[in-house]
C-alpha atoms as a PDB file:
ATOM      1  CA  UNK A   1     -43.189  30.407  30.892  1.00  0.00           C
ATOM      2  CA  UNK A   2     -46.715  32.182  30.571  1.00  0.00           C
ATOM      3  CA  UNK A   3     -48.647  32.255  27.176  1.00  0.00           C
ATOM      4  CA  UNK A   4     -50.312  35.583  26.080  1.00  0.00           C
ATOM      5  CA  UNK A   5     -53.539  36.013  27.366  1.00  0.00           C
ATOM      6  CA  UNK A   6     -56.549  35.828  25.179  1.00  0.00           C
ATOM      7  CA  UNK A   7     -56.899  39.277  23.686  1.00  0.00           C
ATOM      8  CA  UNK A   8     -59.561  40.945  22.243  1.00  0.00           C
ATOM      9  CA  UNK A   9     -58.490  43.162  19.444  1.00  0.00           C
ATOM     10  CA  UNK A  10     -61.372  44.244  18.161  1.00  0.00           C
ATOM     11  CA  UNK A  11     -61.979  45.947  21.502  1.00  0.00           C
ATOM     12  CA  UNK A  12     -58.957  47.540  22.043  1.00  0.00           C
ATOM     13  CA  UNK A  13     -59.257  49.203  18.453  1.00  0.00           C
ATOM     14  CA  UNK A  14     -62.682  50.673  19.838  1.00  0.00           C
ATOM     15  CA  UNK A  15     -62.226  51.632  23.017  1.00  0.00           C
ATOM     16  CA  UNK A  16     -58.873  53.614  22.034  1.00  0.00           C
ATOM     17  CA  UNK A  17     -61.379  55.430  19.464  1.00  0.00           C
ATOM     18  CA  UNK A  18     -63.601  56.114  21.701  1.00  0.00           C
ATOM     19  CA  UNK A  19     -61.027  58.148  23.843  1.00  0.00           C
ATOM     20  CA  UNK A  20     -59.626  59.742  20.474  1.00  0.00           C
ATOM     21  CA  UNK A  21     -56.323  58.259  21.047  1.00  0.00           C
ATOM     22  CA  UNK A  22     -54.118  57.698  18.138  1.00  0.00           C
ATOM     23  CA  UNK A  23     -51.553  54.358  18.343  1.00  0.00           C
ATOM     24  CA  UNK A  24     -48.603  56.877  19.327  1.00  0.00           C
ATOM     25  CA  UNK A  25     -50.722  58.347  22.309  1.00  0.00           C
ATOM     26  CA  UNK A  26     -51.233  54.459  23.327  1.00  0.00           C
ATOM     27  CA  UNK A  27     -47.383  53.877  23.607  1.00  0.00           C
ATOM     28  CA  UNK A  28     -46.652  57.076  25.190  1.00  0.00           C
ATOM     29  CA  UNK A  29     -49.169  56.314  27.881  1.00  0.00           C
ATOM     30  CA  UNK A  30     -47.632  53.017  28.412  1.00  0.00           C
ATOM     31  CA  UNK A  31     -44.339  54.224  28.614  1.00  0.00           C
ATOM     32  CA  UNK A  32     -45.040  57.617  30.645  1.00  0.00           C
ATOM     33  CA  UNK A  33     -47.483  55.521  32.972  1.00  0.00           C
ATOM     34  CA  UNK A  34     -46.371  51.949  33.338  1.00  0.00           C
ATOM     35  CA  UNK A  35     -42.564  52.008  32.120  1.00  0.00           C
ATOM     36  CA  UNK A  36     -42.708  49.988  29.053  1.00  0.00           C
ATOM     37  CA  UNK A  37     -41.287  50.865  26.159  1.00  0.00           C
ATOM     38  CA  UNK A  38     -43.756  49.719  23.184  1.00  0.00           C
ATOM     39  CA  UNK A  39     -43.856  51.295  19.873  1.00  0.00           C
ATOM     40  CA  UNK A  40     -47.413  52.520  18.138  1.00  0.00           C
ATOM     41  CA  UNK A  41     -46.518  49.738  15.407  1.00  0.00           C
ATOM     42  CA  UNK A  42     -46.592  47.483  18.057  1.00  0.00           C
ATOM     43  CA  UNK A  43     -49.961  48.729  19.659  1.00  0.00           C
ATOM     44  CA  UNK A  44     -51.531  48.908  15.797  1.00  0.00           C
ATOM     45  CA  UNK A  45     -50.587  44.984  15.678  1.00  0.00           C
ATOM     46  CA  UNK A  46     -52.061  44.424  18.534  1.00  0.00           C
ATOM     47  CA  UNK A  47     -55.115  45.713  17.223  1.00  0.00           C
ATOM     48  CA  UNK A  48     -54.704  43.930  14.017  1.00  0.00           C
ATOM     49  CA  UNK A  49     -54.458  40.821  16.340  1.00  0.00           C
ATOM     50  CA  UNK A  50     -51.348  39.631  14.091  1.00  0.00           C
ATOM     51  CA  UNK A  51     -49.506  39.661  18.022  1.00  0.00           C
ATOM     52  CA  UNK A  52     -51.125  39.436  21.895  1.00  0.00           C
ATOM     53  CA  UNK A  53     -49.630  41.916  24.946  1.00  0.00           C
ATOM     54  CA  UNK A  54     -48.120  40.172  27.495  1.00  0.00           C
ATOM     55  CA  UNK A  55     -49.600  40.019  30.866  1.00  0.00           C
ATOM     56  CA  UNK A  56     -48.089  43.022  32.193  1.00  0.00           C
ATOM     57  CA  UNK A  57     -48.651  44.837  28.840  1.00  0.00           C
ATOM     58  CA  UNK A  58     -52.381  44.239  28.726  1.00  0.00           C
ATOM     59  CA  UNK A  59     -52.794  45.448  32.535  1.00  0.00           C
ATOM     60  CA  UNK A  60     -50.667  48.518  31.740  1.00  0.00           C
ATOM     61  CA  UNK A  61     -53.004  48.824  28.350  1.00  0.00           C
ATOM     62  CA  UNK A  62     -56.309  48.651  30.242  1.00  0.00           C
ATOM     63  CA  UNK A  63     -54.836  51.670  32.373  1.00  0.00           C
ATOM     64  CA  UNK A  64     -54.395  53.731  30.232  1.00  0.00           C
ATOM     65  CA  UNK A  65     -57.418  53.036  27.808  1.00  0.00           C
ATOM     66  CA  UNK A  66     -59.023  53.632  31.022  1.00  0.00           C
ATOM     67  CA  UNK A  67     -61.084  50.045  31.409  1.00  0.00           C
ATOM     68  CA  UNK A  68     -60.591  46.749  32.916  1.00  0.00           C
ATOM     69  CA  UNK A  69     -58.312  43.822  32.262  1.00  0.00           C
ATOM     70  CA  UNK A  70     -61.148  42.020  31.285  1.00  0.00           C
ATOM     71  CA  UNK A  71     -62.692  44.161  28.606  1.00  0.00           C
ATOM     72  CA  UNK A  72     -59.715  43.390  26.724  1.00  0.00           C
ATOM     73  CA  UNK A  73     -60.145  39.839  27.010  1.00  0.00           C
ATOM     74  CA  UNK A  74     -61.638  37.333  24.629  1.00  0.00           C
ATOM     75  CA  UNK A  75     -63.808  35.228  26.425  1.00  0.00           C
ATOM     76  CA  UNK A  76     -61.437  33.162  29.742  1.00  0.00           C
ATOM     77  CA  UNK A  77     -60.970  29.594  29.868  1.00  0.00           C
ATOM     78  CA  UNK A  78     -58.006  29.196  32.019  1.00  0.00           C
ATOM     79  CA  UNK A  79     -57.728  30.050  35.618  1.00  0.00           C
ATOM     80  CA  UNK A  80     -55.293  32.939  34.598  1.00  0.00           C
ATOM     81  CA  UNK A  81     -57.517  34.195  31.912  1.00  0.00           C
ATOM     82  CA  UNK A  82     -60.071  34.520  34.484  1.00  0.00           C
ATOM     83  CA  UNK A  83     -57.651  35.987  37.393  1.00  0.00           C
ATOM     84  CA  UNK A  84     -56.743  38.497  34.444  1.00  0.00           C
ATOM     85  CA  UNK A  85     -60.665  39.282  33.639  1.00  0.00           C
ATOM     86  CA  UNK A  86     -61.222  40.198  37.201  1.00  0.00           C
ATOM     87  CA  UNK A  87     -58.451  42.504  37.113  1.00  0.00           C
ATOM     88  CA  UNK A  88     -56.783  40.167  40.307  1.00  0.00           C
ATOM     89  CA  UNK A  89     -53.263  39.875  40.969  1.00  0.00           C
ATOM     90  CA  UNK A  90     -52.172  36.183  42.131  1.00  0.00           C
ATOM     91  CA  UNK A  91     -51.337  37.093  45.182  1.00  0.00           C
ATOM     92  CA  UNK A  92     -54.746  39.072  45.925  1.00  0.00           C
ATOM     93  CA  UNK A  93     -56.660  35.732  45.009  1.00  0.00           C
ATOM     94  CA  UNK A  94     -55.075  33.408  46.987  1.00  0.00           C
ATOM     95  CA  UNK A  95     -55.112  35.142  49.930  1.00  0.00           C
ATOM     96  CA  UNK A  96     -59.120  35.336  49.055  1.00  0.00           C
ATOM     97  CA  UNK A  97     -59.410  31.819  48.421  1.00  0.00           C
ATOM     98  CA  UNK A  98     -57.056  30.798  51.716  1.00  0.00           C
ATOM     99  CA  UNK A  99     -54.140  29.343  49.538  1.00  0.00           C
ATOM    100  CA  UNK A 100     -50.418  30.128  49.973  1.00  0.00           C
ATOM    101  CA  UNK A 101     -49.500  32.347  46.618  1.00  0.00           C
ATOM    102  CA  UNK A 102     -46.823  29.926  45.706  1.00  0.00           C
ATOM    103  CA  UNK A 103     -49.402  27.244  46.063  1.00  0.00           C
ATOM    104  CA  UNK A 104     -52.299  28.900  44.285  1.00  0.00           C
ATOM    105  CA  UNK A 105     -49.874  30.148  41.410  1.00  0.00           C
ATOM    106  CA  UNK A 106     -48.499  26.505  41.028  1.00  0.00           C
ATOM    107  CA  UNK A 107     -51.679  25.361  40.703  1.00  0.00           C
ATOM    108  CA  UNK A 108     -52.310  28.316  37.746  1.00  0.00           C
ATOM    109  CA  UNK A 109     -49.053  27.683  35.964  1.00  0.00           C
ATOM    110  CA  UNK A 110     -49.759  23.561  35.725  1.00  0.00           C
ATOM    111  CA  UNK A 111     -53.364  24.070  35.164  1.00  0.00           C
ATOM    112  CA  UNK A 112     -54.312  21.440  38.072  1.00  0.00           C
ATOM    113  CA  UNK A 113     -56.183  22.775  40.690  1.00  0.00           C
ATOM    114  CA  UNK A 114     -55.810  20.680  43.930  1.00  0.00           C
ATOM    115  CA  UNK A 115     -57.868  22.890  46.496  1.00  0.00           C
ATOM    116  CA  UNK A 116     -59.984  21.584  49.121  1.00  0.00           C
ATOM    117  CA  UNK A 117     -63.715  21.749  48.981  1.00  0.00           C
ATOM    118  CA  UNK A 118     -63.826  24.964  50.449  1.00  0.00           C
ATOM    119  CA  UNK A 119     -61.041  26.542  48.158  1.00  0.00           C
ATOM    120  CA  UNK A 120     -63.043  25.484  45.448  1.00  0.00           C
ATOM    121  CA  UNK A 121     -65.951  27.289  46.190  1.00  0.00           C
ATOM    122  CA  UNK A 122     -64.452  30.249  47.280  1.00  0.00           C
ATOM    123  CA  UNK A 123     -62.399  30.138  44.088  1.00  0.00           C
ATOM    124  CA  UNK A 124     -66.185  29.832  42.384  1.00  0.00           C
ATOM    125  CA  UNK A 125     -67.251  32.734  43.972  1.00  0.00           C
ATOM    126  CA  UNK A 126     -64.139  35.487  43.678  1.00  0.00           C
ATOM    127  CA  UNK A 127     -64.014  34.468  39.608  1.00  0.00           C
ATOM    128  CA  UNK A 128     -67.619  34.323  39.181  1.00  0.00           C
ATOM    129  CA  UNK A 129     -67.590  30.663  37.405  1.00  0.00           C
ATOM    130  CA  UNK A 130     -70.173  28.770  36.170  1.00  0.00           C
ATOM    131  CA  UNK A 131     -69.642  25.285  37.325  1.00  0.00           C
ATOM    132  CA  UNK A 132     -68.709  24.359  33.444  1.00  0.00           C
ATOM    133  CA  UNK A 133     -66.056  27.371  33.482  1.00  0.00           C
ATOM    134  CA  UNK A 134     -65.128  25.748  36.968  1.00  0.00           C
ATOM    135  CA  UNK A 135     -64.728  22.259  35.542  1.00  0.00           C
ATOM    136  CA  UNK A 136     -62.744  23.568  32.385  1.00  0.00           C
ATOM    137  CA  UNK A 137     -60.580  26.259  34.196  1.00  0.00           C
ATOM    138  CA  UNK A 138     -59.697  23.648  36.664  1.00  0.00           C
ATOM    139  CA  UNK A 139     -58.775  20.999  34.242  1.00  0.00           C
ATOM    140  CA  UNK A 140     -61.357  18.737  35.669  1.00  0.00           C
ATOM    141  CA  UNK A 141     -63.671  17.925  32.704  1.00  0.00           C
ATOM    142  CA  UNK A 142     -62.735  14.207  31.991  1.00  0.00           C
ATOM    143  CA  UNK A 143     -62.939  13.250  36.019  1.00  0.00           C
ATOM    144  CA  UNK A 144     -65.985  14.508  35.927  1.00  0.00           C
ATOM    145  CA  UNK A 145     -67.340  12.695  32.988  1.00  0.00           C
ATOM    146  CA  UNK A 146     -65.579   9.089  34.483  1.00  0.00           C
ATOM    147  CA  UNK A 147     -67.545   9.951  37.664  1.00  0.00           C
ATOM    148  CA  UNK A 148     -70.697  10.469  36.358  1.00  0.00           C
ATOM    149  CA  UNK A 149     -71.127   7.882  33.783  1.00  0.00           C
ATOM    150  CA  UNK A 150     -70.126   5.204  37.068  1.00  0.00           C
ATOM    151  CA  UNK A 151     -72.982   7.147  39.300  1.00  0.00           C
ATOM    152  CA  UNK A 152     -75.672   6.897  36.697  1.00  0.00           C
ATOM    153  CA  UNK A 153     -74.609   3.200  35.883  1.00  0.00           C
ATOM    154  CA  UNK A 154     -73.748   1.458  39.379  1.00  0.00           C
ATOM    155  CA  UNK A 155     -75.185   3.367  42.864  1.00  0.00           C
ATOM    156  CA  UNK A 156     -75.082   7.023  42.595  1.00  0.00           C
ATOM    157  CA  UNK A 157     -74.952   7.409  46.301  1.00  0.00           C
ATOM    158  CA  UNK A 158     -71.103   6.577  46.459  1.00  0.00           C
ATOM    159  CA  UNK A 159     -70.116   8.984  44.319  1.00  0.00           C
ATOM    160  CA  UNK A 160     -71.511  11.950  46.053  1.00  0.00           C
ATOM    161  CA  UNK A 161     -68.689  12.470  48.158  1.00  0.00           C
ATOM    162  CA  UNK A 162     -66.229  12.390  45.304  1.00  0.00           C
ATOM    163  CA  UNK A 163     -68.353  14.783  43.208  1.00  0.00           C
ATOM    164  CA  UNK A 164     -68.715  16.981  45.981  1.00  0.00           C
ATOM    165  CA  UNK A 165     -65.045  17.528  46.462  1.00  0.00           C
ATOM    166  CA  UNK A 166     -64.959  18.054  42.907  1.00  0.00           C
ATOM    167  CA  UNK A 167     -67.851  20.846  42.599  1.00  0.00           C
ATOM    168  CA  UNK A 168     -68.897  23.548  44.348  1.00  0.00           C
ATOM    169  CA  UNK A 169     -72.156  22.564  44.684  1.00  0.00           C
ATOM    170  CA  UNK A 170     -74.234  21.665  47.475  1.00  0.00           C
ATOM    171  CA  UNK A 171     -74.458  18.371  48.601  1.00  0.00           C
ATOM    172  CA  UNK A 172     -78.779  17.927  48.660  1.00  0.00           C
ATOM    173  CA  UNK A 173     -78.486  19.619  45.423  1.00  0.00           C
ATOM    174  CA  UNK A 174     -75.722  17.046  44.105  1.00  0.00           C
ATOM    175  CA  UNK A 175     -77.325  14.175  45.779  1.00  0.00           C
ATOM    176  CA  UNK A 176     -81.067  15.604  43.718  1.00  0.00           C
ATOM    177  CA  UNK A 177     -79.102  16.136  40.244  1.00  0.00           C
ATOM    178  CA  UNK A 178     -77.676  12.219  40.720  1.00  0.00           C
ATOM    179  CA  UNK A 179     -80.948  10.758  41.527  1.00  0.00           C
ATOM    180  CA  UNK A 180     -82.023  12.007  38.676  1.00  0.00           C
ATOM    181  CA  UNK A 181     -79.391  11.358  36.318  1.00  0.00           C
ATOM    182  CA  UNK A 182     -79.176   7.791  37.435  1.00  0.00           C
ATOM    183  CA  UNK A 183     -83.212   7.582  36.864  1.00  0.00           C
ATOM    184  CA  UNK A 184     -82.931   9.196  33.662  1.00  0.00           C
ATOM    185  CA  UNK A 185     -80.389   6.615  32.204  1.00  0.00           C
ATOM    186  CA  UNK A 186     -82.221   3.421  33.807  1.00  0.00           C
ATOM    187  CA  UNK A 187     -85.617   4.159  32.252  1.00  0.00           C
ATOM    188  CA  UNK A 188     -84.015   4.772  29.136  1.00  0.00           C
ATOM    189  CA  UNK A 189     -82.287   1.336  29.251  1.00  0.00           C
ATOM    190  CA  UNK A 190     -85.360  -0.434  30.182  1.00  0.00           C
ATOM    191  CA  UNK A 191     -87.629   1.624  27.664  1.00  0.00           C
ATOM    192  CA  UNK A 192     -84.843   0.544  25.215  1.00  0.00           C
ATOM    193  CA  UNK A 193     -85.187  -3.473  26.139  1.00  0.00           C
ATOM    194  CA  UNK A 194     -88.927  -3.116  25.965  1.00  0.00           C
ATOM    195  CA  UNK A 195     -89.148  -1.539  22.605  1.00  0.00           C
ATOM    196  CA  UNK A 196     -86.326  -2.802  21.141  1.00  0.00           C
ATOM    197  CA  UNK A 197     -87.906  -6.503  20.216  1.00  0.00           C
ATOM    198  CA  UNK A 198     -85.060  -8.709  18.962  1.00  0.00           C
ATOM    199  CA  UNK A 199     -82.711  -6.303  18.970  1.00  0.00           C
ATOM    200  CA  UNK A 200     -83.023  -5.484  22.550  1.00  0.00           C
ATOM    201  CA  UNK A 201     -79.698  -5.557  24.081  1.00  0.00           C
ATOM    202  CA  UNK A 202     -77.689  -4.054  20.715  1.00  0.00           C
ATOM    203  CA  UNK A 203     -80.262  -1.239  21.192  1.00  0.00           C
ATOM    204  CA  UNK A 204     -79.868  -0.561  24.412  1.00  0.00           C
ATOM    205  CA  UNK A 205     -76.057  -0.312  24.320  1.00  0.00           C
ATOM    206  CA  UNK A 206     -76.440   2.377  22.179  1.00  0.00           C
ATOM    207  CA  UNK A 207     -78.821   4.257  23.796  1.00  0.00           C
ATOM    208  CA  UNK A 208     -76.728   3.904  26.775  1.00  0.00           C
ATOM    209  CA  UNK A 209     -73.598   4.727  24.920  1.00  0.00           C
ATOM    210  CA  UNK A 210     -75.223   7.665  23.694  1.00  0.00           C
ATOM    211  CA  UNK A 211     -76.375   8.704  27.273  1.00  0.00           C
ATOM    212  CA  UNK A 212     -73.154   8.706  28.454  1.00  0.00           C
ATOM    213  CA  UNK A 213     -71.700  10.308  25.948  1.00  0.00           C
ATOM    214  CA  UNK A 214     -73.275  13.692  26.230  1.00  0.00           C
ATOM    215  CA  UNK A 215     -73.893  12.763  30.318  1.00  0.00           C
ATOM    216  CA  UNK A 216     -71.610  16.087  30.905  1.00  0.00           C
ATOM    217  CA  UNK A 217     -73.973  18.417  29.154  1.00  0.00           C
ATOM    218  CA  UNK A 218     -76.921  16.683  30.816  1.00  0.00           C
ATOM    219  CA  UNK A 219     -75.384  17.179  34.347  1.00  0.00           C
ATOM    220  CA  UNK A 220     -75.356  20.940  33.490  1.00  0.00           C
ATOM    221  CA  UNK A 221     -78.676  21.362  32.809  1.00  0.00           C
ATOM    222  CA  UNK A 222     -80.092  19.931  35.714  1.00  0.00           C
ATOM    223  CA  UNK A 223     -77.260  21.578  38.040  1.00  0.00           C
ATOM    224  CA  UNK A 224     -77.640  24.867  36.725  1.00  0.00           C
ATOM    225  CA  UNK A 225     -75.215  27.424  35.391  1.00  0.00           C
ATOM    226  CA  UNK A 226     -74.108  29.158  38.810  1.00  0.00           C
ATOM    227  CA  UNK A 227     -71.492  27.457  40.867  1.00  0.00           C
END
């Protein structure tokens, strides 16, 4: 069972007002154009943020208000929310990224992306995802953090391939980013040991933990926002 998408109530109210429509007009349009029986009171509840329309209701509401579904959504987070923001049906998105609809739908429903590198790149392109949005939408944040921590504390070269499978990013660019991250971490550790005096090892440990805690954010800075 799907949860409701993140509805942008103020946007719905603003768009309706701009068209000179009352909630009753919206309810009539939903029924006449899309066969959805929605009371004016329900439309008003949507606009007050008390309840949210279902996926089908949101798509129909966008049609009645002459806008894209994405204009009625708050900031999308999940794959489903990003797809809806782009106004794409699941079968259309699946076709464009080279997946069977059933396979894509299962990934969307479970929040566990299992596409290959080519499909991941296509997904990011079709949905216009930044790298950070891609990782969040596909449920890969913790896996990314663990791989990055291992890469900077050991041999970064060994993590190019697993990270390449995880992220839609060119190999050469990924190698540059990992090499710089590794160098930054090692430099910080050496500098802390050099200046830490009698507390060298303890200070180094603290600096290392601090660096590793923020490693994903540092990775985004170096890798850039575009997927």
